[in-house]
Structure formats: C-alpha cells, structure tokens
Amino acid sequence: MVSIIPKANTVSEPLKRLVLTAARELFLNKGYDAVGMREIAHAVDREPIQIYRLKLAKPDILAELIIELNAEEIQRLPELLAKVTGESLFERVSSYFLELYRLDVHYQPIRSVGAAFGWMWDVRYEQQIVDQVLQLLQPVAGWMAEAGLDDIQARCYGIWSVYYVGYRHAVVRGGGAEDCLAAIRPTLAVLLRDQRNVTAQLISQKGAAA
C-alpha cells in the first residue's frame, strides 16, 4: 500500500503526529467505521502493534482528533464572533451556533461519531474535551450573564446537549448548518428564557384573574 503521508523518519514528525494526520484523512474520506487500525498503520508504513504501543486504540485516535478539531475552532473564535449578528440573546446565540455548525458539518465523518464512541476512549480525554466545550460556550455564557439569566452553567450543559442533538438530527439526514439550527430553535428558545420573568407573569395573571 502506498503511504498517504511521508514516513515517520524525522524528529520533527513523530509517529503519533503522523498517525493522527493519516487517521484524520482516512476518517474524512471513508468514514470512521470503514477504517481499521491496520489501514491506519499501513498509511504510515507501520504495523498495528507499533500504533498500539503509542497507547492509541481506534477510539483514542478519534478522541485525539476531536480535541484537535475543538482546538482549531477555539483558535478561530475571534473570527467566528466577528460574524455574529442579532440584538437579542436568542439571535446572537443562534447566529454563533450557525457558524459552529458550518465548521462541524465540514468534519461530519468525525464529529458525527463522537458521542457514539466516546464511552470507549480512555478517560484521560474526557476532562480535556469538557474543558474545550466550556471554552466554546464561553461567548454564550457571557451573553446569558449580560441578559441577567441565572443557572448559567446548568444552561450551558443543556444548550450543548441540544446543539449536538441538532447536529445529529440534520446531518444524518443529509442536512446542512441551517437545518441543524432549525432543528433546535424551539428548545434553544426555552433554554435561553428567563424563567423568573415567566414565573412573575404567571403570578400576575393569577392575581388579575382573582
């Protein structure tokens, strides 16, 4: 088999880096399920045992790539935020998520299997991924704070879960970023609602009815 990237024969390109680069290309071109460890190993002119010696099972390679993609998105946050439009909290969050969805749709063969195989990768990756998610949600948390919402951390976890549901719902049906956002708009509106105002309105309505 012809290698898709150069051999790991220099100090500047350690084997792990080459493995991740090869796996990223293979997953994107063929899909995660269609690629085995032997194919990844052959892509860098190695045997599977040499990859396992790096303490990288296939789910671990997936985790490494998700961390890599998250880091790239975090690096691009200033660029993404410059594209955000809207005056209301809901409009700004929707605009921001649309930009994130556009990036994530591009990497669908990797992103779409993250939740399905996340329970299989080494626990050492979990906290790093959670920390990255919180970084990506930092703009949303800031906007919620400006709007005076409470329980921001709890809302953030709920919002990210909904974000991924929208991604899965649309992408598995061949949809794009706009479809992802459309799938979560009603639930997102609820999560961004100030429940204290809703409660106050209900109390006021009951008082008026009495």
N, C-alpha and C. Protein backbone atom coordinates (compact mmCIF):
# COMPACT_ATOMS: atom_id res chain seq x y z
N MET A 1 0.85 -1.20 0.00
CA MET A 1 0.00 0.00 0.00
C MET A 1 0.88 1.25 0.00
N VAL A 2 0.49 2.22 -0.80
CA VAL A 2 1.26 3.46 -0.87
C VAL A 2 0.86 4.36 0.29
N SER A 3 1.84 4.90 0.99
CA SER A 3 1.55 5.79 2.12
C SER A 3 0.89 7.06 1.63
N ILE A 4 -0.05 7.57 2.40
CA ILE A 4 -0.72 8.82 2.03
C ILE A 4 0.00 10.02 2.61
N ILE A 5 0.97 9.78 3.52
CA ILE A 5 1.77 10.86 4.07
C ILE A 5 3.21 10.37 4.19
N PRO A 6 4.18 11.26 4.39
CA PRO A 6 5.58 10.84 4.49
C PRO A 6 5.81 9.90 5.66
N LYS A 7 6.87 9.11 5.55
CA LYS A 7 7.25 8.21 6.63
C LYS A 7 7.68 8.98 7.87
N ALA A 8 7.53 8.32 9.02
CA ALA A 8 7.95 8.93 10.28
C ALA A 8 9.43 8.69 10.48
N ASN A 9 10.24 9.48 9.83
CA ASN A 9 11.67 9.25 9.89
C ASN A 9 12.46 10.47 10.30
N THR A 10 11.76 11.47 10.84
CA THR A 10 12.46 12.66 11.30
C THR A 10 11.97 13.01 12.69
N VAL A 11 12.80 13.71 13.44
CA VAL A 11 12.43 14.14 14.79
C VAL A 11 11.26 15.10 14.75
N SER A 12 11.15 15.90 13.68
CA SER A 12 10.11 16.91 13.59
C SER A 12 8.73 16.31 13.32
N GLU A 13 8.67 15.05 12.89
CA GLU A 13 7.39 14.41 12.62
C GLU A 13 7.30 13.08 13.35
N PRO A 14 7.04 13.13 14.65
CA PRO A 14 6.95 11.89 15.44
C PRO A 14 5.81 11.02 14.94
N LEU A 15 5.89 9.76 15.26
CA LEU A 15 4.93 8.80 14.76
C LEU A 15 3.50 9.13 15.14
N LYS A 16 3.30 9.56 16.38
CA LYS A 16 1.93 9.87 16.80
C LYS A 16 1.30 10.95 15.92
N ARG A 17 2.07 11.97 15.60
CA ARG A 17 1.54 13.05 14.76
C ARG A 17 1.17 12.52 13.38
N LEU A 18 2.02 11.65 12.84
CA LEU A 18 1.75 11.08 11.53
C LEU A 18 0.50 10.18 11.55
N VAL A 19 0.34 9.43 12.63
CA VAL A 19 -0.83 8.56 12.78
C VAL A 19 -2.10 9.39 12.80
N LEU A 20 -2.10 10.46 13.57
CA LEU A 20 -3.29 11.31 13.66
C LEU A 20 -3.61 11.99 12.33
N THR A 21 -2.58 12.43 11.63
CA THR A 21 -2.78 13.06 10.33
C THR A 21 -3.37 12.06 9.33
N ALA A 22 -2.82 10.83 9.33
CA ALA A 22 -3.32 9.79 8.44
C ALA A 22 -4.75 9.42 8.79
N ALA A 23 -5.02 9.24 10.09
CA ALA A 23 -6.36 8.84 10.53
C ALA A 23 -7.38 9.92 10.18
N ARG A 24 -7.02 11.16 10.35
CA ARG A 24 -7.94 12.26 10.04
C ARG A 24 -8.34 12.21 8.57
N GLU A 25 -7.37 12.02 7.70
CA GLU A 25 -7.64 11.96 6.27
C GLU A 25 -8.49 10.74 5.92
N LEU A 26 -8.15 9.61 6.50
CA LEU A 26 -8.88 8.38 6.22
C LEU A 26 -10.32 8.45 6.74
N PHE A 27 -10.51 8.94 7.95
CA PHE A 27 -11.85 9.05 8.51
C PHE A 27 -12.72 9.99 7.68
N LEU A 28 -12.14 11.11 7.26
CA LEU A 28 -12.90 12.08 6.48
C LEU A 28 -13.27 11.53 5.11
N ASN A 29 -12.39 10.75 4.51
CA ASN A 29 -12.63 10.22 3.17
C ASN A 29 -13.50 8.98 3.15
N LYS A 30 -13.35 8.12 4.17
CA LYS A 30 -14.04 6.83 4.16
C LYS A 30 -15.08 6.67 5.26
N GLY A 31 -14.99 7.48 6.29
CA GLY A 31 -15.86 7.31 7.44
C GLY A 31 -15.16 6.50 8.52
N TYR A 32 -15.50 6.79 9.76
CA TYR A 32 -14.84 6.15 10.90
C TYR A 32 -14.99 4.63 10.88
N ASP A 33 -16.19 4.14 10.65
CA ASP A 33 -16.46 2.70 10.71
C ASP A 33 -15.71 1.92 9.63
N ALA A 34 -15.45 2.55 8.50
CA ALA A 34 -14.85 1.86 7.37
C ALA A 34 -13.33 1.73 7.46
N VAL A 35 -12.74 2.39 8.44
CA VAL A 35 -11.27 2.41 8.56
C VAL A 35 -10.84 1.59 9.77
N GLY A 36 -9.92 0.67 9.56
CA GLY A 36 -9.40 -0.14 10.65
C GLY A 36 -8.00 0.28 11.05
N MET A 37 -7.54 -0.23 12.16
CA MET A 37 -6.20 0.11 12.65
C MET A 37 -5.11 -0.34 11.69
N ARG A 38 -5.33 -1.46 11.01
CA ARG A 38 -4.33 -1.93 10.06
C ARG A 38 -4.15 -0.93 8.92
N GLU A 39 -5.25 -0.37 8.45
CA GLU A 39 -5.16 0.61 7.36
C GLU A 39 -4.47 1.88 7.83
N ILE A 40 -4.77 2.31 9.05
CA ILE A 40 -4.08 3.50 9.59
C ILE A 40 -2.59 3.22 9.72
N ALA A 41 -2.23 2.05 10.23
CA ALA A 41 -0.83 1.69 10.40
C ALA A 41 -0.11 1.63 9.06
N HIS A 42 -0.75 1.01 8.07
CA HIS A 42 -0.12 0.90 6.75
C HIS A 42 0.06 2.27 6.09
N ALA A 43 -0.85 3.20 6.42
CA ALA A 43 -0.74 4.54 5.84
C ALA A 43 0.53 5.26 6.27
N VAL A 44 1.10 4.84 7.40
CA VAL A 44 2.36 5.43 7.88
C VAL A 44 3.49 4.40 7.86
N ASP A 45 3.29 3.34 7.05
CA ASP A 45 4.30 2.30 6.88
C ASP A 45 4.71 1.64 8.19
N ARG A 46 3.72 1.33 9.01
CA ARG A 46 3.96 0.65 10.27
C ARG A 46 2.99 -0.53 10.41
N GLU A 47 3.22 -1.35 11.40
CA GLU A 47 2.32 -2.43 11.74
C GLU A 47 1.40 -1.96 12.88
N PRO A 48 0.19 -2.53 12.98
CA PRO A 48 -0.74 -2.10 14.04
C PRO A 48 -0.14 -2.13 15.43
N ILE A 49 0.70 -3.12 15.73
CA ILE A 49 1.28 -3.22 17.06
C ILE A 49 2.10 -1.99 17.41
N GLN A 50 2.71 -1.38 16.39
CA GLN A 50 3.50 -0.18 16.64
C GLN A 50 2.61 1.02 16.99
N ILE A 51 1.40 1.01 16.48
CA ILE A 51 0.44 2.07 16.82
C ILE A 51 -0.09 1.86 18.23
N TYR A 52 -0.38 0.60 18.56
CA TYR A 52 -0.90 0.30 19.90
C TYR A 52 0.14 0.62 20.97
N ARG A 53 1.42 0.53 20.60
CA ARG A 53 2.47 0.87 21.56
C ARG A 53 2.46 2.35 21.92
N LEU A 54 1.81 3.14 21.09
CA LEU A 54 1.63 4.57 21.40
C LEU A 54 0.47 4.77 22.38
N LYS A 55 -0.15 3.66 22.83
CA LYS A 55 -1.33 3.71 23.69
C LYS A 55 -2.48 4.41 23.00
N LEU A 56 -2.62 4.06 21.71
CA LEU A 56 -3.70 4.63 20.90
C LEU A 56 -4.54 3.50 20.30
N ALA A 57 -5.69 3.24 20.91
CA ALA A 57 -6.69 2.39 20.28
C ALA A 57 -7.46 3.28 19.31
N LYS A 58 -8.29 2.69 18.49
CA LYS A 58 -9.03 3.48 17.49
C LYS A 58 -9.91 4.55 18.14
N PRO A 59 -10.66 4.25 19.22
CA PRO A 59 -11.44 5.31 19.87
C PRO A 59 -10.56 6.43 20.44
N ASP A 60 -9.34 6.09 20.86
CA ASP A 60 -8.42 7.11 21.37
C ASP A 60 -7.98 8.04 20.25
N ILE A 61 -7.76 7.47 19.06
CA ILE A 61 -7.42 8.30 17.90
C ILE A 61 -8.57 9.25 17.60
N LEU A 62 -9.80 8.73 17.69
CA LEU A 62 -10.97 9.59 17.49
C LEU A 62 -10.99 10.73 18.50
N ALA A 63 -10.73 10.42 19.77
CA ALA A 63 -10.71 11.46 20.81
C ALA A 63 -9.63 12.50 20.51
N GLU A 64 -8.46 12.04 20.12
CA GLU A 64 -7.37 12.97 19.78
C GLU A 64 -7.78 13.90 18.64
N LEU A 65 -8.49 13.37 17.66
CA LEU A 65 -8.91 14.18 16.52
C LEU A 65 -10.00 15.17 16.91
N ILE A 66 -10.91 14.74 17.78
CA ILE A 66 -11.95 15.66 18.25
C ILE A 66 -11.32 16.80 19.05
N ILE A 67 -10.35 16.48 19.89
CA ILE A 67 -9.62 17.51 20.63
C ILE A 67 -8.92 18.46 19.67
N GLU A 68 -8.37 17.91 18.62
CA GLU A 68 -7.69 18.71 17.61
C GLU A 68 -8.66 19.65 16.90
N LEU A 69 -9.83 19.12 16.52
CA LEU A 69 -10.84 19.95 15.86
C LEU A 69 -11.37 21.03 16.81
N ASN A 70 -11.60 20.66 18.06
CA ASN A 70 -12.06 21.65 19.05
C ASN A 70 -11.04 22.77 19.20
N ALA A 71 -9.76 22.40 19.26
CA ALA A 71 -8.70 23.40 19.42
C ALA A 71 -8.69 24.35 18.22
N GLU A 72 -8.92 23.82 17.04
CA GLU A 72 -8.95 24.66 15.84
C GLU A 72 -10.12 25.64 15.90
N GLU A 73 -11.28 25.16 16.38
CA GLU A 73 -12.43 26.05 16.50
C GLU A 73 -12.20 27.13 17.56
N ILE A 74 -11.60 26.74 18.68
CA ILE A 74 -11.29 27.71 19.72
C ILE A 74 -10.34 28.77 19.19
N GLN A 75 -9.37 28.34 18.40
CA GLN A 75 -8.42 29.28 17.80
C GLN A 75 -9.13 30.27 16.88
N ARG A 76 -10.23 29.84 16.29
CA ARG A 76 -10.96 30.68 15.33
C ARG A 76 -12.09 31.47 15.98
N LEU A 77 -12.20 31.43 17.31
CA LEU A 77 -13.30 32.12 17.99
C LEU A 77 -13.40 33.61 17.62
N PRO A 78 -12.30 34.37 17.60
CA PRO A 78 -12.43 35.78 17.22
C PRO A 78 -13.06 35.96 15.83
N GLU A 79 -12.66 35.09 14.92
CA GLU A 79 -13.22 35.14 13.55
C GLU A 79 -14.71 34.80 13.55
N LEU A 80 -15.09 33.77 14.31
CA LEU A 80 -16.49 33.37 14.38
C LEU A 80 -17.35 34.45 15.03
N LEU A 81 -16.85 35.02 16.11
CA LEU A 81 -17.62 36.03 16.84
C LEU A 81 -17.80 37.30 16.01
N ALA A 82 -16.86 37.56 15.12
CA ALA A 82 -16.97 38.74 14.25
C ALA A 82 -18.14 38.60 13.28
N LYS A 83 -18.58 37.37 13.05
CA LYS A 83 -19.69 37.12 12.12
C LYS A 83 -21.04 37.07 12.82
N VAL A 84 -21.04 37.10 14.15
CA VAL A 84 -22.29 37.00 14.90
C VAL A 84 -23.14 38.25 14.70
N THR A 85 -24.41 38.04 14.44
CA THR A 85 -25.35 39.16 14.27
C THR A 85 -26.53 38.98 15.22
N GLY A 86 -27.32 40.03 15.36
CA GLY A 86 -28.52 39.96 16.18
C GLY A 86 -28.43 40.83 17.41
N GLU A 87 -29.55 41.29 17.87
CA GLU A 87 -29.63 42.14 19.05
C GLU A 87 -30.01 41.35 20.30
N SER A 88 -30.92 40.42 20.15
CA SER A 88 -31.39 39.67 21.32
C SER A 88 -30.44 38.53 21.64
N LEU A 89 -30.57 37.98 22.85
CA LEU A 89 -29.77 36.84 23.27
C LEU A 89 -30.00 35.66 22.33
N PHE A 90 -31.24 35.37 22.03
CA PHE A 90 -31.57 34.24 21.16
C PHE A 90 -30.97 34.43 19.78
N GLU A 91 -31.03 35.62 19.24
CA GLU A 91 -30.48 35.88 17.90
C GLU A 91 -28.97 35.72 17.87
N ARG A 92 -28.29 36.19 18.90
CA ARG A 92 -26.83 36.09 18.93
C ARG A 92 -26.37 34.64 19.08
N VAL A 93 -27.03 33.91 19.99
CA VAL A 93 -26.67 32.50 20.18
C VAL A 93 -26.96 31.71 18.91
N SER A 94 -28.07 31.97 18.27
CA SER A 94 -28.41 31.28 17.03
C SER A 94 -27.39 31.58 15.94
N SER A 95 -26.99 32.82 15.83
CA SER A 95 -26.00 33.21 14.83
C SER A 95 -24.65 32.54 15.09
N TYR A 96 -24.26 32.50 16.35
CA TYR A 96 -22.99 31.86 16.73
C TYR A 96 -23.02 30.37 16.44
N PHE A 97 -24.12 29.72 16.81
CA PHE A 97 -24.24 28.28 16.58
C PHE A 97 -24.26 27.96 15.09
N LEU A 98 -24.83 28.84 14.29
CA LEU A 98 -24.83 28.62 12.84
C LEU A 98 -23.41 28.56 12.31
N GLU A 99 -22.54 29.44 12.82
CA GLU A 99 -21.13 29.43 12.40
C GLU A 99 -20.43 28.16 12.86
N LEU A 100 -20.71 27.72 14.09
CA LEU A 100 -20.12 26.47 14.58
C LEU A 100 -20.61 25.28 13.77
N TYR A 101 -21.89 25.26 13.47
CA TYR A 101 -22.45 24.17 12.68
C TYR A 101 -21.78 24.10 11.30
N ARG A 102 -21.50 25.24 10.72
CA ARG A 102 -20.87 25.25 9.40
C ARG A 102 -19.49 24.59 9.44
N LEU A 103 -18.77 24.80 10.52
CA LEU A 103 -17.48 24.14 10.68
C LEU A 103 -17.66 22.65 10.93
N ASP A 104 -18.59 22.31 11.81
CA ASP A 104 -18.77 20.91 12.20
C ASP A 104 -19.32 20.05 11.07
N VAL A 105 -20.17 20.62 10.22
CA VAL A 105 -20.69 19.87 9.09
C VAL A 105 -19.56 19.47 8.15
N HIS A 106 -18.57 20.33 8.02
CA HIS A 106 -17.43 20.03 7.16
C HIS A 106 -16.69 18.78 7.63
N TYR A 107 -16.68 18.55 8.95
CA TYR A 107 -15.97 17.40 9.52
C TYR A 107 -16.95 16.33 10.00
N GLN A 108 -18.07 16.21 9.30
CA GLN A 108 -19.14 15.29 9.69
C GLN A 108 -18.69 13.85 9.93
N PRO A 109 -17.82 13.26 9.10
CA PRO A 109 -17.43 11.87 9.35
C PRO A 109 -16.75 11.64 10.70
N ILE A 110 -16.16 12.69 11.26
CA ILE A 110 -15.52 12.58 12.57
C ILE A 110 -16.47 13.03 13.68
N ARG A 111 -17.08 14.19 13.49
CA ARG A 111 -17.95 14.75 14.52
C ARG A 111 -19.15 13.86 14.83
N SER A 112 -19.72 13.25 13.81
CA SER A 112 -20.97 12.53 13.99
C SER A 112 -20.83 11.26 14.82
N VAL A 113 -19.62 10.75 14.97
CA VAL A 113 -19.43 9.50 15.73
C VAL A 113 -18.86 9.75 17.13
N GLY A 114 -18.62 11.02 17.45
CA GLY A 114 -18.02 11.34 18.75
C GLY A 114 -18.80 10.80 19.94
N ALA A 115 -20.12 11.08 19.96
CA ALA A 115 -20.93 10.64 21.10
C ALA A 115 -21.09 9.12 21.12
N ALA A 116 -21.18 8.52 19.93
CA ALA A 116 -21.40 7.08 19.86
C ALA A 116 -20.23 6.27 20.41
N PHE A 117 -19.01 6.78 20.21
CA PHE A 117 -17.82 6.04 20.62
C PHE A 117 -17.08 6.68 21.79
N GLY A 118 -17.62 7.79 22.30
CA GLY A 118 -16.96 8.49 23.39
C GLY A 118 -16.77 7.65 24.64
N TRP A 119 -17.70 6.72 24.88
CA TRP A 119 -17.61 5.89 26.09
C TRP A 119 -16.48 4.87 25.98
N MET A 120 -15.90 4.72 24.77
CA MET A 120 -14.87 3.71 24.56
C MET A 120 -13.46 4.27 24.67
N TRP A 121 -13.31 5.60 24.56
CA TRP A 121 -11.95 6.12 24.61
C TRP A 121 -11.48 6.27 26.04
N ASP A 122 -10.17 6.42 26.19
CA ASP A 122 -9.55 6.49 27.51
C ASP A 122 -10.09 7.68 28.29
N VAL A 123 -10.29 7.48 29.59
CA VAL A 123 -10.89 8.51 30.44
C VAL A 123 -10.05 9.78 30.48
N ARG A 124 -8.76 9.67 30.16
CA ARG A 124 -7.89 10.85 30.23
C ARG A 124 -8.32 11.94 29.25
N TYR A 125 -9.10 11.58 28.25
CA TYR A 125 -9.52 12.57 27.26
C TYR A 125 -10.75 13.35 27.69
N GLU A 126 -11.54 12.77 28.57
CA GLU A 126 -12.87 13.31 28.86
C GLU A 126 -12.82 14.74 29.40
N GLN A 127 -11.99 14.99 30.40
CA GLN A 127 -11.96 16.32 31.01
C GLN A 127 -11.45 17.36 30.03
N GLN A 128 -10.50 16.98 29.20
CA GLN A 128 -9.97 17.93 28.22
C GLN A 128 -11.06 18.33 27.23
N ILE A 129 -11.86 17.37 26.80
CA ILE A 129 -12.94 17.68 25.87
C ILE A 129 -14.00 18.54 26.54
N VAL A 130 -14.36 18.23 27.79
CA VAL A 130 -15.33 19.04 28.52
C VAL A 130 -14.83 20.47 28.66
N ASP A 131 -13.55 20.63 29.00
CA ASP A 131 -12.97 21.97 29.14
C ASP A 131 -13.04 22.74 27.82
N GLN A 132 -12.80 22.05 26.71
CA GLN A 132 -12.88 22.70 25.40
C GLN A 132 -14.31 23.12 25.08
N VAL A 133 -15.27 22.26 25.40
CA VAL A 133 -16.67 22.60 25.18
C VAL A 133 -17.05 23.85 25.95
N LEU A 134 -16.60 23.93 27.19
CA LEU A 134 -16.89 25.12 28.00
C LEU A 134 -16.25 26.37 27.42
N GLN A 135 -15.07 26.23 26.81
CA GLN A 135 -14.44 27.37 26.13
C GLN A 135 -15.28 27.81 24.94
N LEU A 136 -15.79 26.85 24.17
CA LEU A 136 -16.62 27.19 23.02
C LEU A 136 -17.94 27.82 23.45
N LEU A 137 -18.39 27.48 24.66
CA LEU A 137 -19.64 28.05 25.18
C LEU A 137 -19.44 29.35 25.93
N GLN A 138 -18.20 29.78 26.10
CA GLN A 138 -17.93 30.99 26.86
C GLN A 138 -18.65 32.22 26.31
N PRO A 139 -18.68 32.41 24.99
CA PRO A 139 -19.45 33.55 24.48
C PRO A 139 -20.92 33.47 24.85
N VAL A 140 -21.50 32.28 24.79
CA VAL A 140 -22.91 32.10 25.14
C VAL A 140 -23.13 32.40 26.61
N ALA A 141 -22.21 31.92 27.46
CA ALA A 141 -22.31 32.20 28.89
C ALA A 141 -22.24 33.70 29.15
N GLY A 142 -21.37 34.37 28.44
CA GLY A 142 -21.25 35.83 28.60
C GLY A 142 -22.51 36.55 28.20
N TRP A 143 -23.10 36.16 27.10
CA TRP A 143 -24.36 36.79 26.66
C TRP A 143 -25.49 36.51 27.64
N MET A 144 -25.52 35.31 28.20
CA MET A 144 -26.56 34.99 29.18
C MET A 144 -26.37 35.84 30.44
N ALA A 145 -25.13 36.02 30.84
CA ALA A 145 -24.86 36.85 32.02
C ALA A 145 -25.30 38.29 31.76
N GLU A 146 -25.03 38.80 30.57
CA GLU A 146 -25.45 40.16 30.22
C GLU A 146 -26.97 40.29 30.25
N ALA A 147 -27.65 39.20 29.89
CA ALA A 147 -29.11 39.22 29.88
C ALA A 147 -29.71 38.99 31.26
N GLY A 148 -28.84 38.72 32.26
CA GLY A 148 -29.31 38.55 33.63
C GLY A 148 -29.89 37.18 33.94
N LEU A 149 -29.55 36.18 33.12
CA LEU A 149 -30.07 34.84 33.38
C LEU A 149 -29.34 34.20 34.55
N ASP A 150 -30.01 33.26 35.22
CA ASP A 150 -29.41 32.53 36.31
C ASP A 150 -29.04 31.12 35.85
N ASP A 151 -28.42 30.35 36.74
CA ASP A 151 -28.07 28.95 36.45
C ASP A 151 -27.34 28.81 35.12
N ILE A 152 -26.36 29.66 34.89
CA ILE A 152 -25.70 29.71 33.58
C ILE A 152 -24.97 28.42 33.26
N GLN A 153 -24.25 27.85 34.22
CA GLN A 153 -23.51 26.62 33.93
C GLN A 153 -24.46 25.48 33.56
N ALA A 154 -25.54 25.35 34.31
CA ALA A 154 -26.52 24.30 34.01
C ALA A 154 -27.13 24.52 32.63
N ARG A 155 -27.43 25.76 32.32
CA ARG A 155 -27.99 26.08 31.00
C ARG A 155 -26.98 25.72 29.90
N CYS A 156 -25.70 25.98 30.16
CA CYS A 156 -24.67 25.70 29.15
C CYS A 156 -24.61 24.21 28.83
N TYR A 157 -24.67 23.37 29.85
CA TYR A 157 -24.65 21.93 29.61
C TYR A 157 -25.87 21.51 28.80
N GLY A 158 -27.02 22.07 29.14
CA GLY A 158 -28.23 21.75 28.39
C GLY A 158 -28.16 22.23 26.96
N ILE A 159 -27.64 23.44 26.77
CA ILE A 159 -27.54 24.02 25.44
C ILE A 159 -26.59 23.21 24.56
N TRP A 160 -25.47 22.75 25.15
CA TRP A 160 -24.54 21.96 24.33
C TRP A 160 -25.14 20.61 23.95
N SER A 161 -25.90 20.02 24.84
CA SER A 161 -26.57 18.75 24.52
C SER A 161 -27.54 18.96 23.36
N VAL A 162 -28.26 20.06 23.41
CA VAL A 162 -29.22 20.38 22.35
C VAL A 162 -28.47 20.67 21.05
N TYR A 163 -27.35 21.34 21.15
CA TYR A 163 -26.53 21.63 19.96
C TYR A 163 -26.19 20.33 19.23
N TYR A 164 -25.75 19.34 19.99
CA TYR A 164 -25.35 18.07 19.37
C TYR A 164 -26.56 17.32 18.83
N VAL A 165 -27.70 17.40 19.51
CA VAL A 165 -28.92 16.77 19.01
C VAL A 165 -29.28 17.36 17.64
N GLY A 166 -29.20 18.67 17.53
CA GLY A 166 -29.49 19.33 16.25
C GLY A 166 -28.54 18.90 15.17
N TYR A 167 -27.28 18.75 15.54
CA TYR A 167 -26.26 18.32 14.58
C TYR A 167 -26.58 16.93 14.06
N ARG A 168 -26.84 16.00 14.98
CA ARG A 168 -27.14 14.63 14.59
C ARG A 168 -28.43 14.57 13.76
N HIS A 169 -29.46 15.27 14.22
CA HIS A 169 -30.76 15.24 13.58
C HIS A 169 -30.67 15.65 12.11
N ALA A 170 -29.93 16.69 11.85
CA ALA A 170 -29.85 17.21 10.48
C ALA A 170 -28.82 16.48 9.62
N VAL A 171 -27.64 16.23 10.17
CA VAL A 171 -26.56 15.68 9.37
C VAL A 171 -26.84 14.26 8.92
N VAL A 172 -27.43 13.43 9.77
CA VAL A 172 -27.71 12.05 9.37
C VAL A 172 -28.77 12.01 8.27
N ARG A 173 -29.49 13.10 8.09
CA ARG A 173 -30.48 13.20 7.02
C ARG A 173 -29.95 13.97 5.82
N GLY A 174 -28.65 14.26 5.85
CA GLY A 174 -28.04 14.97 4.73
C GLY A 174 -28.25 16.46 4.76
N GLY A 175 -28.64 17.00 5.90
CA GLY A 175 -28.88 18.44 6.02
C GLY A 175 -27.62 19.24 6.23
N GLY A 176 -27.75 20.55 6.18
CA GLY A 176 -26.63 21.45 6.37
C GLY A 176 -26.73 22.21 7.68
N ALA A 177 -25.90 23.25 7.81
CA ALA A 177 -25.85 24.02 9.05
C ALA A 177 -27.18 24.65 9.39
N GLU A 178 -27.87 25.18 8.38
CA GLU A 178 -29.17 25.82 8.62
C GLU A 178 -30.19 24.83 9.15
N ASP A 179 -30.12 23.58 8.65
CA ASP A 179 -31.03 22.54 9.12
C ASP A 179 -30.74 22.17 10.57
N CYS A 180 -29.45 22.13 10.91
CA CYS A 180 -29.07 21.85 12.30
C CYS A 180 -29.69 22.88 13.24
N LEU A 181 -29.56 24.14 12.87
CA LEU A 181 -30.08 25.21 13.72
C LEU A 181 -31.61 25.17 13.79
N ALA A 182 -32.24 24.92 12.65
CA ALA A 182 -33.71 24.87 12.63
C ALA A 182 -34.24 23.79 13.55
N ALA A 183 -33.50 22.70 13.68
CA ALA A 183 -33.95 21.57 14.50
C ALA A 183 -33.97 21.89 15.99
N ILE A 184 -33.17 22.87 16.42
CA ILE A 184 -33.07 23.14 17.86
C ILE A 184 -33.67 24.48 18.28
N ARG A 185 -34.15 25.26 17.34
CA ARG A 185 -34.64 26.61 17.68
C ARG A 185 -35.67 26.61 18.81
N PRO A 186 -36.71 25.78 18.77
CA PRO A 186 -37.71 25.83 19.85
C PRO A 186 -37.12 25.51 21.22
N THR A 187 -36.28 24.47 21.28
CA THR A 187 -35.69 24.08 22.57
C THR A 187 -34.67 25.12 23.03
N LEU A 188 -33.92 25.66 22.09
CA LEU A 188 -32.94 26.70 22.43
C LEU A 188 -33.63 27.91 23.03
N ALA A 189 -34.77 28.27 22.47
CA ALA A 189 -35.53 29.42 23.00
C ALA A 189 -35.94 29.18 24.44
N VAL A 190 -36.33 27.95 24.78
CA VAL A 190 -36.71 27.63 26.15
C VAL A 190 -35.51 27.73 27.09
N LEU A 191 -34.37 27.20 26.66
CA LEU A 191 -33.17 27.21 27.50
C LEU A 191 -32.63 28.63 27.71
N LEU A 192 -32.96 29.54 26.82
CA LEU A 192 -32.47 30.92 26.94
C LEU A 192 -33.51 31.84 27.56
N ARG A 193 -34.61 31.27 27.98
CA ARG A 193 -35.69 32.07 28.55
C ARG A 193 -35.40 32.36 30.01
N ASP A 194 -35.75 33.57 30.44
CA ASP A 194 -35.62 33.94 31.86
C ASP A 194 -36.85 33.42 32.59
N GLN A 195 -36.69 32.30 33.30
CA GLN A 195 -37.82 31.69 33.96
C GLN A 195 -38.40 32.56 35.07
N ARG A 196 -37.60 33.45 35.60
CA ARG A 196 -38.10 34.33 36.66
C ARG A 196 -39.16 35.26 36.10
N ASN A 197 -38.95 35.73 34.86
CA ASN A 197 -39.96 36.58 34.24
C ASN A 197 -41.23 35.80 33.94
N VAL A 198 -41.05 34.54 33.51
CA VAL A 198 -42.21 33.70 33.24
C VAL A 198 -43.03 33.49 34.51
N THR A 199 -42.31 33.20 35.61
CA THR A 199 -43.00 32.99 36.89
C THR A 199 -43.73 34.25 37.33
N ALA A 200 -43.08 35.39 37.18
CA ALA A 200 -43.69 36.66 37.57
C ALA A 200 -44.95 36.92 36.74
N GLN A 201 -44.89 36.61 35.46
CA GLN A 201 -46.06 36.82 34.60
C GLN A 201 -47.21 35.92 35.01
N LEU A 202 -46.89 34.67 35.37
CA LEU A 202 -47.94 33.75 35.80
C LEU A 202 -48.60 34.22 37.09
N ILE A 203 -47.75 34.69 38.02
CA ILE A 203 -48.30 35.19 39.28
C ILE A 203 -49.20 36.40 39.03
N SER A 204 -48.74 37.28 38.11
CA SER A 204 -49.52 38.47 37.80
C SER A 204 -50.85 38.11 37.17
N GLN A 205 -50.82 37.10 36.29
CA GLN A 205 -52.04 36.68 35.61
C GLN A 205 -53.03 36.06 36.61
N LYS A 206 -52.48 35.27 37.54
CA LYS A 206 -53.36 34.67 38.55
C LYS A 206 -53.97 35.75 39.45
N GLY A 207 -53.15 36.76 39.78
CA GLY A 207 -53.67 37.84 40.61
C GLY A 207 -54.76 38.63 39.91
N ALA A 208 -54.58 38.84 38.60
CA ALA A 208 -55.58 39.58 37.84
C ALA A 208 -56.87 38.77 37.72
N ALA A 209 -56.71 37.45 37.57
CA ALA A 209 -57.89 36.59 37.45
C ALA A 209 -58.69 36.53 38.74
N ALA A 210 -57.96 36.62 39.88
CA ALA A 210 -58.63 36.57 41.18
C ALA A 210 -59.43 37.85 41.40
